[in-house]
Amino acid sequence: MKKVIVVAMALLASSAQATSGLDFGDINYFLKSGQYNLTTDMAVVNIETQDESSGNKFETNGYVFTNTIGYGIADNLNAFVGLDYAFKYKTELPGSSDSDNSGISNPYLGVNYRLVNQSNSLVNVDFGAVARIKAMDAEYGSVGKDGNFNQGHHSLELNTRIGRKWNEANEWQFAAGAIYNMDGTFKAKGGLSDNVDTDARTDFFLRSSYQYRPVQEFMMNVFAQAMFVGQQQSKTDGNIKIKDDRYMDLNFGFTAKYLITESLIFKFNYRLNHLAEFDRDVAGTKSEQKNRFANSYGFGLDYLF
């Protein structure tokens, strides 16, 4: 019996040692001190929703570019900045002219701290924070009036991740986080044609990811996420009160990655979102926002230097 225990412990130790290394492209990879990582993704986006009371169906199509650059301050501390851009991001309402909401998003910056590393523990444990900054006035266009892609408030996200690469081909990660959206203001154009003040709200998310890497050069990653969107209350300059009830969206994704060189990865991304129906109250009149749907596909590059 003692020999069996000794052999089992030896196998466990050798297995842990064999899987302790994390490579560029792994979902649990963490930048080493002095490393930079440039990531850019282009997504072709389609979003649909329908207002029950009016029967109006809105459809948005366009291109969204997501760009971030990260830096390894230390082996266990990374920082990054990002800026997204929407191109030809148009919303169509049948019987009306299209509205274009292209432009830049709120810029964002964040940090990630690795508290525990699987090289000397069973799992990796990370903590992160992301701040999105309202850099310009937000305008939401509709009914033939153009707006922009900026959000009308600051936000702060706190998250934590736990994961492990348990052999050369398989790894997993679980993540959870909270996003505090501060109060803000945006200009509604074409509909209410008024300034709208929004109250603060808090969203939460849970995400699970799995990656299969049968060979060093090729990776397949899938994830599922539940996003819990908090109740949103707002009021126009004309004292019209609006309330959106809380709801939960489900997001699913697939990414195929190919390691072109030891520092360059090409990606194909696909996202499918099951968006929940929710009630909207405008000046005491309720309507259901239903038939909500969103998907996207596109390509991207990761460059490590």
Protein backbone atom coordinates (compact mmCIF):
# COMPACT_ATOMS: atom_id res chain seq x y z
CA MET A 1 0.00 0.00 0.00
CA LYS A 2 2.84 2.38 0.84
CA LYS A 3 4.44 1.67 -2.55
CA VAL A 4 1.14 2.51 -4.31
CA ILE A 5 0.90 5.83 -2.44
CA VAL A 6 4.52 6.69 -3.23
CA VAL A 7 4.02 5.88 -6.94
CA ALA A 8 0.79 7.95 -7.06
CA MET A 9 2.49 10.94 -5.45
CA ALA A 10 5.40 10.66 -7.87
CA LEU A 11 3.04 10.57 -10.84
CA LEU A 12 1.12 13.56 -9.53
CA ALA A 13 4.30 15.54 -8.98
CA SER A 14 5.66 14.71 -12.44
CA SER A 15 2.31 15.61 -14.02
CA ALA A 16 2.22 18.96 -12.21
CA GLN A 17 5.75 19.68 -13.31
CA ALA A 18 4.97 18.74 -16.93
CA THR A 19 1.99 21.08 -17.12
CA SER A 20 3.40 24.02 -15.17
CA GLY A 21 4.50 25.92 -18.27
CA LEU A 22 2.02 28.30 -19.90
CA ASP A 23 2.65 29.25 -23.53
CA PHE A 24 1.65 32.26 -25.61
CA GLY A 25 -1.90 31.56 -26.81
CA ASP A 26 -3.03 29.73 -23.67
CA ILE A 27 -6.08 31.30 -22.03
CA ASN A 28 -4.24 31.37 -18.68
CA TYR A 29 -1.06 32.90 -20.14
CA PHE A 30 0.26 35.90 -18.20
CA LEU A 31 2.69 38.47 -19.60
CA LYS A 32 6.20 38.28 -18.19
CA SER A 33 8.08 41.34 -17.02
CA GLY A 34 8.98 43.60 -19.95
CA GLN A 35 6.72 41.88 -22.49
CA TYR A 36 4.18 43.74 -24.65
CA ASN A 37 1.05 42.22 -26.21
CA LEU A 38 -0.84 43.97 -29.01
CA THR A 39 -4.32 42.56 -29.74
CA THR A 40 -6.69 43.70 -32.47
CA ASP A 41 -9.99 42.11 -33.50
CA MET A 42 -12.51 42.99 -36.21
CA ALA A 43 -16.11 41.79 -35.80
CA VAL A 44 -19.03 41.94 -38.23
CA VAL A 45 -21.95 42.63 -35.89
CA ASN A 46 -25.71 42.07 -36.22
CA ILE A 47 -28.15 43.09 -33.43
CA GLU A 48 -31.96 42.91 -33.53
CA THR A 49 -34.68 43.98 -31.09
CA GLN A 50 -38.39 44.79 -31.19
CA ASP A 51 -40.55 47.13 -29.12
CA GLU A 52 -43.85 45.43 -28.23
CA SER A 53 -46.06 48.52 -27.90
CA SER A 54 -45.10 50.16 -31.21
CA GLY A 55 -44.20 47.00 -33.07
CA ASN A 56 -41.04 48.71 -34.30
CA LYS A 57 -38.18 46.35 -35.09
CA PHE A 58 -34.66 47.76 -34.93
CA GLU A 59 -31.73 46.09 -36.68
CA THR A 60 -28.12 47.21 -36.27
CA ASN A 61 -25.28 46.12 -38.56
CA GLY A 62 -21.70 47.26 -38.67
CA TYR A 63 -18.06 46.57 -37.95
CA VAL A 64 -16.45 46.84 -34.50
CA PHE A 65 -12.67 46.96 -34.04
CA THR A 66 -11.35 46.06 -30.57
CA ASN A 67 -7.77 47.13 -29.84
CA THR A 68 -5.69 46.68 -26.69
CA ILE A 69 -2.02 46.82 -25.78
CA GLY A 70 -0.74 45.18 -22.61
CA TYR A 71 2.56 45.43 -20.75
CA GLY A 72 4.16 43.16 -18.18
CA ILE A 73 5.16 45.43 -15.30
CA ALA A 74 6.29 42.34 -13.41
CA ASP A 75 5.87 38.60 -13.84
CA ASN A 76 2.71 38.79 -11.72
CA LEU A 77 1.44 42.29 -12.65
CA ASN A 78 0.16 43.38 -16.07
CA ALA A 79 -1.38 46.64 -17.27
CA PHE A 80 -3.25 47.42 -20.48
CA VAL A 81 -5.04 50.19 -22.37
CA GLY A 82 -7.67 49.84 -25.06
CA LEU A 83 -9.85 51.70 -27.52
CA ASP A 84 -12.67 50.28 -29.64
CA TYR A 85 -14.00 51.72 -32.88
CA ALA A 86 -17.29 51.14 -34.71
CA PHE A 87 -17.40 51.59 -38.50
CA LYS A 88 -20.59 51.87 -40.58
CA TYR A 89 -22.49 50.98 -37.41
CA LYS A 90 -26.00 51.63 -38.73
CA THR A 91 -29.42 51.02 -37.21
CA GLU A 92 -32.39 50.47 -39.51
CA LEU A 93 -36.01 51.14 -38.54
CA PRO A 94 -38.48 50.02 -41.27
CA GLY A 95 -40.17 53.04 -42.84
CA SER A 96 -37.43 55.41 -41.68
CA SER A 97 -33.94 56.44 -42.70
CA ASP A 98 -30.95 54.62 -41.22
CA SER A 99 -29.04 56.18 -38.33
CA ASP A 100 -25.28 55.85 -38.03
CA ASN A 101 -23.70 55.41 -34.59
CA SER A 102 -20.10 54.97 -35.72
CA GLY A 103 -17.11 56.31 -33.81
CA ILE A 104 -14.83 55.51 -30.89
CA SER A 105 -15.89 53.96 -27.62
CA ASN A 106 -14.94 55.00 -24.12
CA PRO A 107 -11.17 54.36 -23.81
CA TYR A 108 -10.29 51.89 -21.08
CA LEU A 109 -7.33 50.93 -18.94
CA GLY A 110 -6.82 48.08 -16.54
CA VAL A 111 -4.50 45.94 -14.47
CA ASN A 112 -4.26 42.20 -13.78
CA TYR A 113 -2.50 40.70 -10.76
CA ARG A 114 -1.58 36.99 -10.52
CA LEU A 115 -1.86 36.00 -6.89
CA VAL A 116 -1.25 32.26 -7.38
CA ASN A 117 0.65 30.51 -10.19
CA GLN A 118 0.09 26.89 -11.17
CA SER A 119 3.87 26.37 -11.28
CA ASN A 120 3.82 26.23 -7.48
CA SER A 121 0.13 25.55 -6.84
CA LEU A 122 -2.79 23.61 -8.29
CA VAL A 123 -4.33 26.58 -10.15
CA ASN A 124 -3.75 30.13 -11.37
CA VAL A 125 -5.64 32.84 -9.49
CA ASP A 126 -5.88 36.36 -10.95
CA PHE A 127 -7.53 39.60 -9.89
CA GLY A 128 -8.26 42.44 -12.30
CA ALA A 129 -9.75 45.91 -12.62
CA VAL A 130 -10.91 47.79 -15.73
CA ALA A 131 -11.88 51.48 -15.83
CA ARG A 132 -13.76 52.91 -18.84
CA ILE A 133 -13.59 56.67 -19.18
CA LYS A 134 -16.26 58.90 -20.73
CA ALA A 135 -14.00 60.91 -23.01
CA MET A 136 -16.61 62.79 -25.02
CA ASP A 137 -20.33 63.50 -25.14
CA ALA A 138 -22.48 60.49 -26.01
CA GLU A 139 -25.15 60.73 -28.70
CA TYR A 140 -27.63 57.92 -29.46
CA GLY A 141 -28.99 58.30 -32.97
CA SER A 142 -32.27 56.89 -34.28
CA VAL A 143 -34.98 57.58 -36.87
CA GLY A 144 -32.54 58.97 -39.41
CA LYS A 145 -30.48 61.02 -36.95
CA ASP A 146 -26.83 60.02 -36.47
CA GLY A 147 -25.12 59.56 -33.12
CA ASN A 148 -21.81 58.09 -31.99
CA PHE A 149 -20.38 54.96 -30.32
CA ASN A 150 -19.37 56.59 -27.07
CA GLN A 151 -21.05 55.62 -23.78
CA GLY A 152 -22.43 58.43 -21.64
CA HIS A 153 -20.89 57.35 -18.31
CA HIS A 154 -17.74 56.11 -16.59
CA SER A 155 -17.58 52.51 -15.38
CA LEU A 156 -15.39 50.36 -13.16
CA GLU A 157 -15.09 46.57 -13.40
CA LEU A 158 -13.58 44.29 -10.75
CA ASN A 159 -13.02 40.65 -11.68
CA THR A 160 -11.36 37.45 -10.57
CA ARG A 161 -10.26 34.40 -12.56
CA ILE A 162 -9.21 30.88 -11.63
CA GLY A 163 -7.85 28.38 -14.13
CA ARG A 164 -5.37 25.65 -14.95
CA LYS A 165 -3.62 24.02 -17.88
CA TRP A 166 -3.64 20.42 -16.74
CA ASN A 167 -1.73 18.91 -19.66
CA GLU A 168 -0.23 20.00 -22.96
CA ALA A 169 -3.61 20.01 -24.75
CA ASN A 170 -6.27 21.04 -22.23
CA GLU A 171 -6.96 23.99 -19.97
CA TRP A 172 -9.90 25.71 -18.31
CA GLN A 173 -10.77 28.99 -16.66
CA PHE A 174 -13.67 30.37 -14.60
CA ALA A 175 -14.23 34.11 -14.17
CA ALA A 176 -16.62 36.34 -12.23
CA GLY A 177 -16.95 40.07 -12.03
CA ALA A 178 -18.98 43.14 -11.18
CA ILE A 179 -19.31 46.29 -13.31
CA TYR A 180 -20.37 49.54 -11.68
CA ASN A 181 -21.80 51.93 -14.29
CA MET A 182 -21.81 55.46 -12.89
CA ASP A 183 -24.57 57.95 -13.56
CA GLY A 184 -24.22 59.85 -16.81
CA THR A 185 -25.89 61.72 -19.67
CA PHE A 186 -26.45 61.12 -23.35
CA LYS A 187 -28.18 63.01 -26.13
CA ALA A 188 -31.12 61.12 -27.67
CA LYS A 189 -31.40 62.14 -31.32
CA GLY A 190 -34.32 61.37 -33.60
CA GLY A 191 -36.57 59.85 -30.95
CA LEU A 192 -37.02 61.82 -27.75
CA SER A 193 -34.54 64.42 -29.11
CA ASP A 194 -33.61 65.31 -25.57
CA ASN A 195 -30.80 64.95 -23.05
CA VAL A 196 -31.24 61.83 -20.94
CA ASP A 197 -29.74 61.51 -17.45
CA THR A 198 -29.06 57.90 -16.42
CA ASP A 199 -28.78 56.65 -12.84
CA ALA A 200 -25.96 54.37 -11.75
CA ARG A 201 -26.43 50.61 -12.03
CA THR A 202 -24.39 47.47 -11.29
CA ASP A 203 -24.00 44.48 -13.62
CA PHE A 204 -22.52 41.06 -12.81
CA PHE A 205 -21.11 38.29 -14.98
CA LEU A 206 -20.00 34.66 -14.73
CA ARG A 207 -17.91 33.04 -17.47
CA SER A 208 -16.41 29.60 -18.09
CA SER A 209 -13.81 28.88 -20.79
CA TYR A 210 -12.13 25.78 -22.17
CA GLN A 211 -9.29 25.51 -24.68
CA TYR A 212 -8.04 22.48 -26.58
CA ARG A 213 -4.54 22.68 -28.06
CA PRO A 214 -3.83 19.37 -29.86
CA VAL A 215 -0.60 20.75 -31.33
CA GLN A 216 1.46 23.78 -30.39
CA GLU A 217 0.39 25.74 -33.47
CA PHE A 218 -3.41 25.25 -33.29
CA MET A 219 -5.91 26.12 -30.52
CA MET A 220 -9.71 25.96 -30.17
CA ASN A 221 -11.37 27.96 -27.41
CA VAL A 222 -15.04 27.99 -26.35
CA PHE A 223 -16.75 30.00 -23.61
CA ALA A 224 -20.17 30.59 -22.09
CA GLN A 225 -21.10 33.71 -20.11
CA ALA A 226 -24.11 34.88 -18.14
CA MET A 227 -24.43 38.67 -17.88
CA PHE A 228 -26.79 39.99 -15.20
CA VAL A 229 -27.81 43.53 -16.20
CA GLY A 230 -29.14 45.68 -13.36
CA GLN A 231 -32.21 47.88 -13.39
CA GLN A 232 -31.66 51.11 -15.30
CA GLN A 233 -33.56 54.31 -14.46
CA SER A 234 -33.26 57.54 -16.42
CA LYS A 235 -35.02 60.86 -16.98
CA THR A 236 -35.15 63.29 -19.90
CA ASP A 237 -34.89 67.08 -19.80
CA GLY A 238 -38.65 67.07 -20.31
CA ASN A 239 -39.05 65.09 -17.06
CA ILE A 240 -40.05 61.86 -18.84
CA LYS A 241 -39.04 58.96 -16.59
CA ILE A 242 -37.78 55.72 -18.14
CA LYS A 243 -37.12 52.43 -16.35
CA ASP A 244 -35.65 49.23 -17.80
CA ASP A 245 -36.12 46.14 -15.64
CA ARG A 246 -33.17 43.87 -14.83
CA TYR A 247 -32.50 40.89 -17.09
CA MET A 248 -29.91 38.22 -17.89
CA ASP A 249 -28.21 37.76 -21.27
CA LEU A 250 -26.38 34.56 -22.27
CA ASN A 251 -23.28 34.84 -24.45
CA PHE A 252 -21.46 32.01 -26.22
CA GLY A 253 -18.24 32.16 -28.19
CA PHE A 254 -15.79 30.12 -30.25
CA THR A 255 -12.25 31.09 -31.23
CA ALA A 256 -9.84 29.19 -33.46
CA LYS A 257 -6.22 30.35 -33.18
CA TYR A 258 -3.18 29.56 -35.29
CA LEU A 259 0.35 30.28 -34.13
CA ILE A 260 2.02 31.74 -37.26
CA THR A 261 5.31 32.40 -35.46
CA GLU A 262 6.27 32.02 -31.82
CA SER A 263 5.07 35.61 -31.23
CA LEU A 264 2.17 36.06 -33.70
CA ILE A 265 -1.30 34.46 -33.56
CA PHE A 266 -4.08 34.66 -36.15
CA LYS A 267 -7.65 34.24 -34.81
CA PHE A 268 -11.14 33.53 -36.09
CA ASN A 269 -13.91 34.55 -33.66
CA TYR A 270 -17.61 33.73 -33.60
CA ARG A 271 -20.08 35.02 -30.98
CA LEU A 272 -23.74 34.13 -30.47
CA ASN A 273 -25.83 35.96 -27.87
CA HIS A 274 -29.18 34.82 -26.48
CA LEU A 275 -30.61 38.13 -25.26
CA ALA A 276 -33.44 38.16 -22.74
CA GLU A 277 -36.70 40.05 -23.07
CA PHE A 278 -37.28 42.83 -20.56
CA ASP A 279 -39.91 45.45 -19.69
CA ARG A 280 -39.44 49.14 -20.35
CA ASP A 281 -41.59 51.77 -18.63
CA VAL A 282 -41.78 55.19 -20.32
CA ALA A 283 -43.84 57.77 -18.39
CA GLY A 284 -46.01 55.00 -16.90
CA THR A 285 -46.53 53.11 -20.17
CA LYS A 286 -44.96 49.65 -20.22
CA SER A 287 -43.70 47.84 -23.29
CA GLU A 288 -41.71 44.64 -23.68
CA GLN A 289 -38.39 44.71 -25.50
CA LYS A 290 -38.47 41.32 -27.22
CA ASN A 291 -37.02 39.25 -30.06
CA ARG A 292 -33.58 40.44 -29.01
CA PHE A 293 -30.74 38.72 -30.83
CA ALA A 294 -27.08 39.40 -31.56
CA ASN A 295 -24.24 37.59 -33.26
CA SER A 296 -20.85 38.46 -34.72
CA TYR A 297 -17.90 36.92 -36.51
CA GLY A 298 -14.49 38.19 -37.47
CA PHE A 299 -10.74 37.90 -37.40
CA GLY A 300 -7.93 39.10 -35.19
CA LEU A 301 -4.23 39.14 -34.43
CA ASP A 302 -2.21 38.75 -31.21
CA TYR A 303 1.37 39.98 -31.30
CA LEU A 304 3.80 39.39 -28.45
CA PHE A 305 6.95 41.49 -28.29
